[in-house]
Amino acid sequence: MSAGGERRPPLVRVLAAELAPSRRGEGPAPRLMNPLRPVPEGFSPRRSAVLALLAGTDDPALLLQERSATLRSQPGQFALPGGRHEDSDRDDVETALRESAEEVGLRAGDVEVLGAFAPVPMPWRDLTVTPVVAWSPVRPPVRVVDEAEVARVVWAPLAGPGSLTDPACRVPALLDGRAAGLALDLPGDAFVWGFTAAMVDALLHRGEQPPPPPRGPAREVPSARR
């Protein structure tokens, strides 16, 4: 699937241009963000990848999913679709697309892959996470496929009231009273924080108009989102 650049929202155009050289094999993948914690010596992680899918032309939105409350790891948290690399995956793009199909029913042919950023270390989980960026001019059909992993799917607008860049939704997070970075307190009880919030914010900062910094009273991470 491919679409003319003139139809792409500004952020999508910027991301496509930044990722194009590495996608063509003309250089290394750019770095999206620094690790949130120091990477220890001898770090030997497993590979994983997530899909940052932006959809829409006039009102673009980012695809998020709420993890099932029954999962042992990060239950109830919001995340980008994705998961661990399997031996049958040719590369991180295929990992992200395969996991998105398994979790939310996304068909690879419905999106245009713009490229991938360099893997981001998550030393506290012995993982690296490769952010794969894709775009579609319309929101592709998605749904909860595996209820054991995903509770619901959410489209988070990039602009306007209740969006990822709405100052009212961008607040400092607290975890048991300690600073925990940025939180995106979105409508519908969609509280996004931690690694996912940091990655989404790094993507938004690639745009021509970076989002405002978090402000207002800090908010404790809800118990259902830990």
C-alpha atoms as a PDB file:
ATOM      1  CA  MET A   1       0.000   0.000   0.000  1.00  0.00           C
ATOM      2  CA  SER A   2       1.333   3.398  -0.886  1.00  0.00           C
ATOM      3  CA  ALA A   3       0.016   6.908  -1.143  1.00  0.00           C
ATOM      4  CA  GLY A   4       1.166  10.224  -2.475  1.00  0.00           C
ATOM      5  CA  GLY A   5       3.262  12.352  -0.150  1.00  0.00           C
ATOM      6  CA  GLU A   6       0.981  15.329  -0.676  1.00  0.00           C
ATOM      7  CA  ARG A   7      -1.787  13.530   1.240  1.00  0.00           C
ATOM      8  CA  ARG A   8       0.349  12.834   4.265  1.00  0.00           C
ATOM      9  CA  PRO A   9      -0.023  14.885   7.445  1.00  0.00           C
ATOM     10  CA  PRO A  10       3.037  16.975   8.391  1.00  0.00           C
ATOM     11  CA  LEU A  11       4.319  14.549  11.050  1.00  0.00           C
ATOM     12  CA  VAL A  12       4.073  11.637   8.632  1.00  0.00           C
ATOM     13  CA  ARG A  13       5.995  13.557   5.983  1.00  0.00           C
ATOM     14  CA  VAL A  14       8.761  14.370   8.470  1.00  0.00           C
ATOM     15  CA  LEU A  15       9.023  10.777   9.672  1.00  0.00           C
ATOM     16  CA  ALA A  16       9.027   9.408   6.115  1.00  0.00           C
ATOM     17  CA  ALA A  17      11.868  11.727   5.129  1.00  0.00           C
ATOM     18  CA  GLU A  18      13.926  10.861   8.217  1.00  0.00           C
ATOM     19  CA  LEU A  19      13.510   7.113   7.792  1.00  0.00           C
ATOM     20  CA  ALA A  20      13.928   6.994   3.996  1.00  0.00           C
ATOM     21  CA  PRO A  21      17.757   6.715   3.842  1.00  0.00           C
ATOM     22  CA  SER A  22      17.961   3.747   6.221  1.00  0.00           C
ATOM     23  CA  ARG A  23      14.966   2.121   4.512  1.00  0.00           C
ATOM     24  CA  ARG A  24      16.912   2.283   1.243  1.00  0.00           C
ATOM     25  CA  GLY A  25      19.993   0.819   2.917  1.00  0.00           C
ATOM     26  CA  GLU A  26      21.918   4.096   2.683  1.00  0.00           C
ATOM     27  CA  GLY A  27      22.839   4.386   6.340  1.00  0.00           C
ATOM     28  CA  PRO A  28      22.027   3.270   9.863  1.00  0.00           C
ATOM     29  CA  ALA A  29      18.574   3.671  11.340  1.00  0.00           C
ATOM     30  CA  PRO A  30      18.193   6.959  13.221  1.00  0.00           C
ATOM     31  CA  ARG A  31      17.781   6.914  16.980  1.00  0.00           C
ATOM     32  CA  LEU A  32      14.325   7.870  18.235  1.00  0.00           C
ATOM     33  CA  MET A  33      15.109   8.198  21.942  1.00  0.00           C
ATOM     34  CA  ASN A  34      17.713   7.472  24.579  1.00  0.00           C
ATOM     35  CA  PRO A  35      17.288   4.545  26.975  1.00  0.00           C
ATOM     36  CA  LEU A  36      15.182   5.413  30.012  1.00  0.00           C
ATOM     37  CA  ARG A  37      17.667   3.632  32.294  1.00  0.00           C
ATOM     38  CA  PRO A  38      21.421   2.964  32.097  1.00  0.00           C
ATOM     39  CA  VAL A  39      22.345  -0.032  29.972  1.00  0.00           C
ATOM     40  CA  PRO A  40      24.552  -2.436  31.935  1.00  0.00           C
ATOM     41  CA  GLU A  41      27.788  -3.853  30.642  1.00  0.00           C
ATOM     42  CA  GLY A  42      27.343  -7.125  28.832  1.00  0.00           C
ATOM     43  CA  PHE A  43      23.693  -6.377  28.032  1.00  0.00           C
ATOM     44  CA  SER A  44      22.470  -9.295  25.893  1.00  0.00           C
ATOM     45  CA  PRO A  45      18.823  -8.580  25.134  1.00  0.00           C
ATOM     46  CA  ARG A  46      16.093 -10.349  23.246  1.00  0.00           C
ATOM     47  CA  ARG A  47      14.693  -8.536  20.228  1.00  0.00           C
ATOM     48  CA  SER A  48      11.209  -7.081  19.954  1.00  0.00           C
ATOM     49  CA  ALA A  49       9.421  -4.523  17.794  1.00  0.00           C
ATOM     50  CA  VAL A  50       6.344  -2.321  18.024  1.00  0.00           C
ATOM     51  CA  LEU A  51       4.236  -0.641  15.353  1.00  0.00           C
ATOM     52  CA  ALA A  52       3.564   3.092  15.535  1.00  0.00           C
ATOM     53  CA  LEU A  53       0.655   3.298  13.096  1.00  0.00           C
ATOM     54  CA  LEU A  54      -0.538   6.766  12.148  1.00  0.00           C
ATOM     55  CA  ALA A  55      -3.790   6.893  10.180  1.00  0.00           C
ATOM     56  CA  GLY A  56      -5.818   9.668   8.606  1.00  0.00           C
ATOM     57  CA  THR A  57      -5.051  12.767   6.579  1.00  0.00           C
ATOM     58  CA  ASP A  58      -6.992  15.690   8.079  1.00  0.00           C
ATOM     59  CA  ASP A  59      -7.382  14.194  11.568  1.00  0.00           C
ATOM     60  CA  PRO A  60      -4.499  11.724  12.021  1.00  0.00           C
ATOM     61  CA  ALA A  61      -4.511   9.393  15.003  1.00  0.00           C
ATOM     62  CA  LEU A  62      -2.155   6.855  16.558  1.00  0.00           C
ATOM     63  CA  LEU A  63      -3.183   3.250  17.210  1.00  0.00           C
ATOM     64  CA  LEU A  64      -2.879   2.127  20.839  1.00  0.00           C
ATOM     65  CA  GLN A  65      -4.013  -1.001  22.617  1.00  0.00           C
ATOM     66  CA  GLU A  66      -4.921  -1.703  26.225  1.00  0.00           C
ATOM     67  CA  ARG A  67      -3.213  -4.804  27.524  1.00  0.00           C
ATOM     68  CA  SER A  68      -5.382  -7.441  29.158  1.00  0.00           C
ATOM     69  CA  ALA A  69      -5.790  -7.157  32.926  1.00  0.00           C
ATOM     70  CA  THR A  70      -4.970 -10.875  33.252  1.00  0.00           C
ATOM     71  CA  LEU A  71      -1.440 -10.607  31.835  1.00  0.00           C
ATOM     72  CA  ARG A  72       1.406 -11.211  34.254  1.00  0.00           C
ATOM     73  CA  SER A  73       3.524  -8.438  32.738  1.00  0.00           C
ATOM     74  CA  GLN A  74       2.192  -4.861  32.563  1.00  0.00           C
ATOM     75  CA  PRO A  75      -1.512  -5.734  32.894  1.00  0.00           C
ATOM     76  CA  GLY A  76      -3.922  -2.957  31.964  1.00  0.00           C
ATOM     77  CA  GLN A  77      -1.224  -0.722  30.509  1.00  0.00           C
ATOM     78  CA  PHE A  78      -1.537   0.992  27.144  1.00  0.00           C
ATOM     79  CA  ALA A  79       1.022   0.102  24.512  1.00  0.00           C
ATOM     80  CA  LEU A  80       1.766   0.095  20.818  1.00  0.00           C
ATOM     81  CA  PRO A  81       0.997  -3.219  19.088  1.00  0.00           C
ATOM     82  CA  GLY A  82       4.031  -5.455  18.941  1.00  0.00           C
ATOM     83  CA  GLY A  83       6.021  -8.161  20.624  1.00  0.00           C
ATOM     84  CA  ARG A  84       9.066 -10.371  20.550  1.00  0.00           C
ATOM     85  CA  HIS A  85      11.001 -11.399  17.465  1.00  0.00           C
ATOM     86  CA  GLU A  86      10.512 -14.948  16.239  1.00  0.00           C
ATOM     87  CA  ASP A  87      13.023 -16.966  14.237  1.00  0.00           C
ATOM     88  CA  SER A  88      10.679 -16.951  11.241  1.00  0.00           C
ATOM     89  CA  ASP A  89      10.610 -13.131  11.103  1.00  0.00           C
ATOM     90  CA  ARG A  90      12.842 -11.736   8.381  1.00  0.00           C
ATOM     91  CA  ASP A  91      13.384  -8.462  10.232  1.00  0.00           C
ATOM     92  CA  ASP A  92      11.909  -6.138  12.843  1.00  0.00           C
ATOM     93  CA  VAL A  93       9.333  -4.776  10.402  1.00  0.00           C
ATOM     94  CA  GLU A  94       7.950  -8.272   9.924  1.00  0.00           C
ATOM     95  CA  THR A  95       7.899  -8.772  13.705  1.00  0.00           C
ATOM     96  CA  ALA A  96       5.862  -5.604  14.223  1.00  0.00           C
ATOM     97  CA  LEU A  97       3.417  -6.430  11.421  1.00  0.00           C
ATOM     98  CA  ARG A  98       2.997 -10.065  12.486  1.00  0.00           C
ATOM     99  CA  GLU A  99       2.337  -9.112  16.103  1.00  0.00           C
ATOM    100  CA  SER A 100      -0.119  -6.397  15.026  1.00  0.00           C
ATOM    101  CA  ALA A 101      -2.019  -8.952  12.951  1.00  0.00           C
ATOM    102  CA  GLU A 102      -2.131 -11.412  15.863  1.00  0.00           C
ATOM    103  CA  GLU A 103      -3.190  -8.806  18.430  1.00  0.00           C
ATOM    104  CA  VAL A 104      -5.482  -6.389  16.595  1.00  0.00           C
ATOM    105  CA  GLY A 105      -6.124  -8.002  13.191  1.00  0.00           C
ATOM    106  CA  LEU A 106      -4.175  -5.430  11.173  1.00  0.00           C
ATOM    107  CA  ARG A 107      -3.587  -6.468   7.569  1.00  0.00           C
ATOM    108  CA  ALA A 108      -0.091  -5.561   6.390  1.00  0.00           C
ATOM    109  CA  GLY A 109      -1.431  -4.551   2.982  1.00  0.00           C
ATOM    110  CA  ASP A 110      -3.580  -1.833   4.585  1.00  0.00           C
ATOM    111  CA  VAL A 111      -0.597   0.266   5.675  1.00  0.00           C
ATOM    112  CA  GLU A 112       2.533   1.799   4.212  1.00  0.00           C
ATOM    113  CA  VAL A 113       5.649   1.073   6.259  1.00  0.00           C
ATOM    114  CA  LEU A 114       7.784   4.221   6.424  1.00  0.00           C
ATOM    115  CA  GLY A 115      10.745   2.562   8.108  1.00  0.00           C
ATOM    116  CA  ALA A 116      12.193   1.722  11.490  1.00  0.00           C
ATOM    117  CA  PHE A 117      14.183   3.570  14.109  1.00  0.00           C
ATOM    118  CA  ALA A 118      17.160   2.031  15.874  1.00  0.00           C
ATOM    119  CA  PRO A 119      16.364  -0.444  18.666  1.00  0.00           C
ATOM    120  CA  VAL A 120      15.764   1.138  22.065  1.00  0.00           C
ATOM    121  CA  PRO A 121      17.219  -0.798  25.027  1.00  0.00           C
ATOM    122  CA  MET A 122      14.909  -1.822  27.881  1.00  0.00           C
ATOM    123  CA  PRO A 123      17.475  -3.249  30.302  1.00  0.00           C
ATOM    124  CA  TRP A 124      14.900  -3.819  33.072  1.00  0.00           C
ATOM    125  CA  ARG A 125      13.154  -6.326  30.784  1.00  0.00           C
ATOM    126  CA  ASP A 126      16.221  -7.687  28.938  1.00  0.00           C
ATOM    127  CA  LEU A 127      14.798  -6.428  25.642  1.00  0.00           C
ATOM    128  CA  THR A 128      15.441  -4.060  22.800  1.00  0.00           C
ATOM    129  CA  VAL A 129      12.390  -2.501  21.185  1.00  0.00           C
ATOM    130  CA  THR A 130      12.514  -1.404  17.547  1.00  0.00           C
ATOM    131  CA  PRO A 131       9.928   1.278  16.709  1.00  0.00           C
ATOM    132  CA  VAL A 132       8.491   0.593  13.249  1.00  0.00           C
ATOM    133  CA  VAL A 133       6.506   3.483  11.767  1.00  0.00           C
ATOM    134  CA  ALA A 134       3.608   3.010   9.334  1.00  0.00           C
ATOM    135  CA  TRP A 135       0.865   5.168   7.875  1.00  0.00           C
ATOM    136  CA  SER A 136      -2.519   4.763   6.228  1.00  0.00           C
ATOM    137  CA  PRO A 137      -4.660   7.544   4.694  1.00  0.00           C
ATOM    138  CA  VAL A 138      -7.712   6.050   6.449  1.00  0.00           C
ATOM    139  CA  ARG A 139      -8.038   4.132   9.676  1.00  0.00           C
ATOM    140  CA  PRO A 140      -7.711   0.464   8.729  1.00  0.00           C
ATOM    141  CA  PRO A 141     -10.056  -2.077  10.277  1.00  0.00           C
ATOM    142  CA  VAL A 142      -8.674  -3.294  13.609  1.00  0.00           C
ATOM    143  CA  ARG A 143     -10.227  -5.214  16.478  1.00  0.00           C
ATOM    144  CA  VAL A 144      -9.310  -7.257  19.513  1.00  0.00           C
ATOM    145  CA  VAL A 145      -8.178 -10.645  18.220  1.00  0.00           C
ATOM    146  CA  ASP A 146      -6.576 -12.206  21.282  1.00  0.00           C
ATOM    147  CA  GLU A 147      -8.540 -11.270  24.416  1.00  0.00           C
ATOM    148  CA  ALA A 148      -5.883 -12.918  26.546  1.00  0.00           C
ATOM    149  CA  GLU A 149      -3.470 -10.178  25.444  1.00  0.00           C
ATOM    150  CA  VAL A 150      -5.584  -7.176  24.398  1.00  0.00           C
ATOM    151  CA  ALA A 151      -8.598  -5.661  26.153  1.00  0.00           C
ATOM    152  CA  ARG A 152      -9.423  -2.912  23.643  1.00  0.00           C
ATOM    153  CA  VAL A 153      -8.097  -0.829  20.785  1.00  0.00           C
ATOM    154  CA  VAL A 154      -7.939   2.980  20.910  1.00  0.00           C
ATOM    155  CA  TRP A 155      -7.264   5.582  18.229  1.00  0.00           C
ATOM    156  CA  ALA A 156      -5.567   8.562  19.914  1.00  0.00           C
ATOM    157  CA  PRO A 157      -5.851  11.806  17.884  1.00  0.00           C
ATOM    158  CA  LEU A 158      -2.650  13.769  17.312  1.00  0.00           C
ATOM    159  CA  ALA A 159      -4.310  17.185  17.681  1.00  0.00           C
ATOM    160  CA  GLY A 160      -7.344  18.853  19.223  1.00  0.00           C
ATOM    161  CA  PRO A 161      -9.139  18.430  22.556  1.00  0.00           C
ATOM    162  CA  GLY A 162      -8.378  15.134  24.260  1.00  0.00           C
ATOM    163  CA  SER A 163      -5.446  14.452  21.937  1.00  0.00           C
ATOM    164  CA  LEU A 164      -1.823  13.433  22.401  1.00  0.00           C
ATOM    165  CA  THR A 165      -0.802  17.099  22.113  1.00  0.00           C
ATOM    166  CA  ASP A 166      -3.617  18.617  24.177  1.00  0.00           C
ATOM    167  CA  PRO A 167      -1.901  20.409  27.104  1.00  0.00           C
ATOM    168  CA  ALA A 168      -4.711  19.263  29.403  1.00  0.00           C
ATOM    169  CA  CYS A 169      -3.793  15.618  28.675  1.00  0.00           C
ATOM    170  CA  ARG A 170      -0.024  15.977  29.108  1.00  0.00           C
ATOM    171  CA  VAL A 171       0.762  15.723  32.804  1.00  0.00           C
ATOM    172  CA  PRO A 172       3.620  14.602  35.071  1.00  0.00           C
ATOM    173  CA  ALA A 173       3.166  11.026  36.269  1.00  0.00           C
ATOM    174  CA  LEU A 174       3.796   9.707  39.766  1.00  0.00           C
ATOM    175  CA  LEU A 175       4.388   6.093  40.711  1.00  0.00           C
ATOM    176  CA  ASP A 176       3.910   5.636  44.452  1.00  0.00           C
ATOM    177  CA  GLY A 177       4.707   9.304  44.892  1.00  0.00           C
ATOM    178  CA  ARG A 178       7.875   9.254  42.781  1.00  0.00           C
ATOM    179  CA  ALA A 179       8.281  11.103  39.497  1.00  0.00           C
ATOM    180  CA  ALA A 180       7.594   8.736  36.568  1.00  0.00           C
ATOM    181  CA  GLY A 181       7.994  10.950  33.521  1.00  0.00           C
ATOM    182  CA  LEU A 182       5.223  12.012  31.166  1.00  0.00           C
ATOM    183  CA  ALA A 183       1.689  10.673  31.289  1.00  0.00           C
ATOM    184  CA  LEU A 184      -0.896  11.061  28.545  1.00  0.00           C
ATOM    185  CA  ASP A 185      -4.220  11.134  30.366  1.00  0.00           C
ATOM    186  CA  LEU A 186      -6.548  10.603  27.422  1.00  0.00           C
ATOM    187  CA  PRO A 187     -10.349  10.374  27.317  1.00  0.00           C
ATOM    188  CA  GLY A 188     -11.991   7.035  27.995  1.00  0.00           C
ATOM    189  CA  ASP A 189      -9.720   6.145  30.926  1.00  0.00           C
ATOM    190  CA  ALA A 190      -6.774   5.730  28.553  1.00  0.00           C
ATOM    191  CA  PHE A 191      -3.856   6.589  30.847  1.00  0.00           C
ATOM    192  CA  VAL A 192      -0.596   6.128  28.932  1.00  0.00           C
ATOM    193  CA  TRP A 193       2.684   6.327  30.820  1.00  0.00           C
ATOM    194  CA  GLY A 194       6.147   4.815  31.114  1.00  0.00           C
ATOM    195  CA  PHE A 195       8.032   3.506  28.097  1.00  0.00           C
ATOM    196  CA  THR A 196       5.068   3.860  25.728  1.00  0.00           C
ATOM    197  CA  ALA A 197       4.431   7.490  26.671  1.00  0.00           C
ATOM    198  CA  ALA A 198       8.134   8.285  26.227  1.00  0.00           C
ATOM    199  CA  MET A 199       8.212   6.648  22.797  1.00  0.00           C
ATOM    200  CA  VAL A 200       5.022   8.367  21.632  1.00  0.00           C
ATOM    201  CA  ASP A 201       6.335  11.708  22.865  1.00  0.00           C
ATOM    202  CA  ALA A 202       9.616  11.188  21.024  1.00  0.00           C
ATOM    203  CA  LEU A 203       7.667  10.577  17.808  1.00  0.00           C
ATOM    204  CA  LEU A 204       5.583  13.725  18.342  1.00  0.00           C
ATOM    205  CA  HIS A 205       8.730  15.782  18.896  1.00  0.00           C
ATOM    206  CA  ARG A 206       9.840  14.883  15.379  1.00  0.00           C
ATOM    207  CA  GLY A 207       7.036  17.098  14.048  1.00  0.00           C
ATOM    208  CA  GLU A 208       7.230  20.692  12.910  1.00  0.00           C
ATOM    209  CA  GLN A 209       5.404  21.816  16.067  1.00  0.00           C
ATOM    210  CA  PRO A 210       6.655  19.883  19.110  1.00  0.00           C
ATOM    211  CA  PRO A 211       4.014  19.162  21.750  1.00  0.00           C
ATOM    212  CA  PRO A 212       3.902  21.216  24.950  1.00  0.00           C
ATOM    213  CA  PRO A 213       5.767  19.928  28.017  1.00  0.00           C
ATOM    214  CA  PRO A 214       3.769  18.230  30.757  1.00  0.00           C
ATOM    215  CA  ARG A 215       2.257  20.653  33.223  1.00  0.00           C
ATOM    216  CA  GLY A 216      -0.338  20.944  35.930  1.00  0.00           C
ATOM    217  CA  PRO A 217      -0.726  18.782  39.020  1.00  0.00           C
ATOM    218  CA  ALA A 218       1.099  15.461  38.810  1.00  0.00           C
ATOM    219  CA  ARG A 219      -1.154  12.408  38.631  1.00  0.00           C
ATOM    220  CA  GLU A 220      -0.574   9.075  40.290  1.00  0.00           C
ATOM    221  CA  VAL A 221      -0.583   6.118  37.898  1.00  0.00           C
ATOM    222  CA  PRO A 222      -3.933   4.357  38.448  1.00  0.00           C
ATOM    223  CA  SER A 223      -3.675   0.917  40.026  1.00  0.00           C
ATOM    224  CA  ALA A 224      -5.384  -0.616  36.968  1.00  0.00           C
ATOM    225  CA  ARG A 225      -2.588   0.733  34.717  1.00  0.00           C
ATOM    226  CA  ARG A 226       0.441  -0.693  36.513  1.00  0.00           C
END
